[in-house]
Each structure stands twice: as structure tokens, then as C-alpha cells.
Amino acid sequence: MHFDDSDAGPRIARSVTRRTLLGAAATAAADPALAEECRVGPPLHSQGPSVWMNLDQVELDAAYDQAFYAPLGSQILAKLASNSELTRRRLGAGKPVELIEAANYNHFEMNESVGNPYGPNGRAALALMKLAAA
């Protein structure tokens, strides 16, 4: 197989315009603020004595708290909540549900009881239809 290396030379730089210069300056100015807001990992601290696997107590505590590794987690949860609220408004109120307590039934037997009007699922279905078992 043959590769053409005719374009492997140095690339020609584009001319610097005022727009690219201002964009680069704005990015450089915003980077420290964004980096501080989105810091991932344990807080800055001086290294203490090793507690486990070369981690000090602060790093070990941070490893068990996901907030240190998801700094925008509160914003994500707020967005999920607002999306859920929008969906509820769009779809309307949900259907009423009722917990079926089925003593002495395991989850494999629950499907078998749907067609039986005396089984837990059959009784619940008849109650939703406001009918009585025969």
C-alpha cells in the first residue's frame, strides 16, 4: 500500500483576526473560573499521612463522596426535576395505582394469578373494573 506524503509539509497558519484574538482572550480569561467551579476530585490540601493505598484521610473521604467527582451534580438533578415536572404537566395526572399484597405467592406465581378471579391479580383487576368475583 502506498501513501502520498505530498501534503505532509508544514501547515500554513491562518491570519489572526480581531475576532479570533478576542475569542482566545475570552477563553483564557474564563478558564480559571470554569476550572474552579468544575473541580473534580478531593479539595486542595497538603498531603497528610497515608491511610490506605497511598491516600490520606481527605482523599479517602472524597473517594466515598460522589459530590467531589460530579461537581455539577446539583445542576444535573435540578434539570432532571424540571424535565420531570414538564413531562407531568404535558401528560397530566397519572393513573391511580394500588399495591397488591399477596401472601404465600412468589413473583413467579403472580403472572399465573392474572386469569384467576380468586387470585391476587385477578381480584385487583376486578376491583379496578368495579366488578365482584363470581
Protein backbone atom coordinates (compact mmCIF):
# COMPACT_ATOMS: atom_id res chain seq x y z
CA MET A 1 0.00 0.00 0.00
CA HIS A 2 1.35 3.43 -0.90
CA PHE A 3 0.68 6.65 0.99
CA ASP A 4 1.02 10.03 -0.67
CA ASP A 5 3.12 12.30 1.57
CA SER A 6 2.89 15.36 -0.64
CA ASP A 7 0.81 17.26 1.94
CA ALA A 8 2.96 16.25 4.94
CA GLY A 9 4.80 19.59 5.00
CA PRO A 10 4.21 22.42 7.45
CA ARG A 11 0.70 23.79 7.55
CA ILE A 12 0.09 27.40 6.65
CA ALA A 13 -1.20 29.37 9.61
CA ARG A 14 -4.34 31.40 9.12
CA SER A 15 -4.13 35.11 9.61
CA VAL A 16 -5.08 36.30 13.07
CA THR A 17 -8.19 38.44 13.01
CA ARG A 18 -9.61 40.60 15.75
CA ARG A 19 -12.43 38.08 16.24
CA THR A 20 -10.07 35.13 16.83
CA LEU A 21 -7.88 37.21 19.15
CA LEU A 22 -10.85 38.34 21.25
CA GLY A 23 -12.23 34.80 21.32
CA ALA A 24 -8.91 33.43 22.55
CA ALA A 25 -8.65 36.16 25.20
CA ALA A 26 -12.19 35.47 26.44
CA THR A 27 -11.47 31.74 26.62
CA ALA A 28 -8.22 32.32 28.53
CA ALA A 29 -9.97 34.66 30.96
CA ALA A 30 -12.88 32.27 31.57
CA ASP A 31 -10.79 29.10 32.01
CA PRO A 32 -9.69 29.68 35.63
CA ALA A 33 -13.25 30.48 36.71
CA LEU A 34 -14.65 27.42 34.96
CA ALA A 35 -11.87 25.23 36.30
CA GLU A 36 -12.54 26.33 39.88
CA GLU A 37 -16.30 25.73 39.52
CA CYS A 38 -15.84 22.29 37.94
CA ARG A 39 -13.04 20.96 40.09
CA VAL A 40 -13.03 17.16 40.12
CA GLY A 41 -11.52 15.17 42.95
CA PRO A 42 -10.71 15.91 46.56
CA PRO A 43 -10.25 19.51 47.71
CA LEU A 44 -6.80 21.03 47.56
CA HIS A 45 -4.89 20.17 50.71
CA SER A 46 -1.41 19.32 51.91
CA GLN A 47 -0.68 15.62 51.78
CA GLY A 48 -1.30 14.04 55.19
CA PRO A 49 -0.17 10.67 56.46
CA SER A 50 -1.07 7.73 54.25
CA VAL A 51 -4.15 5.90 55.49
CA TRP A 52 -4.82 3.38 52.71
CA MET A 53 -3.18 2.74 49.32
CA ASN A 54 -1.16 5.99 49.46
CA LEU A 55 -4.33 8.02 50.08
CA ASP A 56 -4.55 10.35 53.02
CA GLN A 57 -7.77 10.79 55.02
CA VAL A 58 -9.07 13.72 52.93
CA GLU A 59 -8.58 11.81 49.66
CA LEU A 60 -10.16 8.67 51.13
CA ASP A 61 -13.20 10.62 52.36
CA ALA A 62 -13.54 12.22 48.92
CA ALA A 63 -13.44 8.80 47.26
CA TYR A 64 -16.59 7.81 49.18
CA ASP A 65 -18.45 11.05 48.40
CA GLN A 66 -19.51 11.31 44.75
CA ALA A 67 -20.08 15.07 45.06
CA PHE A 68 -16.32 15.55 44.70
CA TYR A 69 -16.33 13.73 41.36
CA ALA A 70 -19.57 15.20 39.99
CA PRO A 71 -19.23 18.92 40.76
CA LEU A 72 -22.25 19.83 38.62
CA GLY A 73 -24.43 17.10 40.12
CA SER A 74 -26.81 19.59 41.74
CA GLN A 75 -27.38 21.26 38.37
CA ILE A 76 -28.00 17.89 36.73
CA LEU A 77 -30.51 16.92 39.44
CA ALA A 78 -32.29 20.28 39.07
CA LYS A 79 -32.54 19.77 35.31
CA LEU A 80 -33.93 16.25 35.78
CA ALA A 81 -36.52 17.57 38.24
CA SER A 82 -37.60 20.34 35.87
CA ASN A 83 -37.81 17.87 32.98
CA SER A 84 -39.96 15.58 35.12
CA GLU A 85 -42.23 18.49 36.03
CA LEU A 86 -42.58 19.46 32.36
CA THR A 87 -43.44 15.87 31.48
CA ARG A 88 -46.06 15.69 34.25
CA ARG A 89 -47.64 18.93 33.00
CA ARG A 90 -47.68 17.65 29.42
CA LEU A 91 -49.07 14.19 30.21
CA GLY A 92 -51.40 15.14 33.03
CA ALA A 93 -52.09 13.28 36.23
CA GLY A 94 -51.03 9.67 36.41
CA LYS A 95 -53.32 6.70 36.84
CA PRO A 96 -54.12 5.54 40.36
CA VAL A 97 -52.16 2.50 41.45
CA GLU A 98 -52.61 0.11 44.30
CA LEU A 99 -50.15 -2.19 45.95
CA ILE A 100 -51.13 -5.84 45.72
CA GLU A 101 -50.21 -7.78 48.81
CA ALA A 102 -50.00 -11.46 48.00
CA ALA A 103 -49.09 -13.58 50.99
CA ASN A 104 -47.65 -17.01 50.13
CA TYR A 105 -47.10 -16.07 46.46
CA ASN A 106 -43.66 -15.65 44.94
CA HIS A 107 -43.06 -13.39 41.97
CA PHE A 108 -43.15 -16.33 39.50
CA GLU A 109 -46.68 -17.27 40.55
CA MET A 110 -48.07 -13.73 40.21
CA ASN A 111 -48.38 -14.00 36.42
CA GLU A 112 -50.37 -17.20 36.78
CA SER A 113 -52.88 -15.48 39.05
CA VAL A 114 -53.96 -12.85 36.48
CA GLY A 115 -56.64 -15.03 34.88
CA ASN A 116 -57.86 -16.41 38.20
CA PRO A 117 -60.59 -14.17 39.68
CA TYR A 118 -59.75 -15.54 43.14
CA GLY A 119 -56.00 -14.86 42.85
CA PRO A 120 -54.41 -11.57 43.98
CA ASN A 121 -54.03 -10.11 40.46
CA GLY A 122 -57.50 -11.24 39.40
CA ARG A 123 -59.09 -9.67 42.50
CA ALA A 124 -57.16 -6.43 41.88
CA ALA A 125 -58.25 -6.34 38.22
CA LEU A 126 -61.88 -6.90 39.16
CA ALA A 127 -61.66 -4.18 41.81
CA LEU A 128 -60.28 -1.69 39.24
CA MET A 129 -63.19 -2.55 36.92
CA LYS A 130 -65.57 -2.21 39.89
CA LEU A 131 -66.78 -5.79 39.44
CA ALA A 132 -67.12 -8.53 42.01
CA ALA A 133 -65.71 -12.03 41.74
CA ALA A 134 -68.31 -14.64 40.70
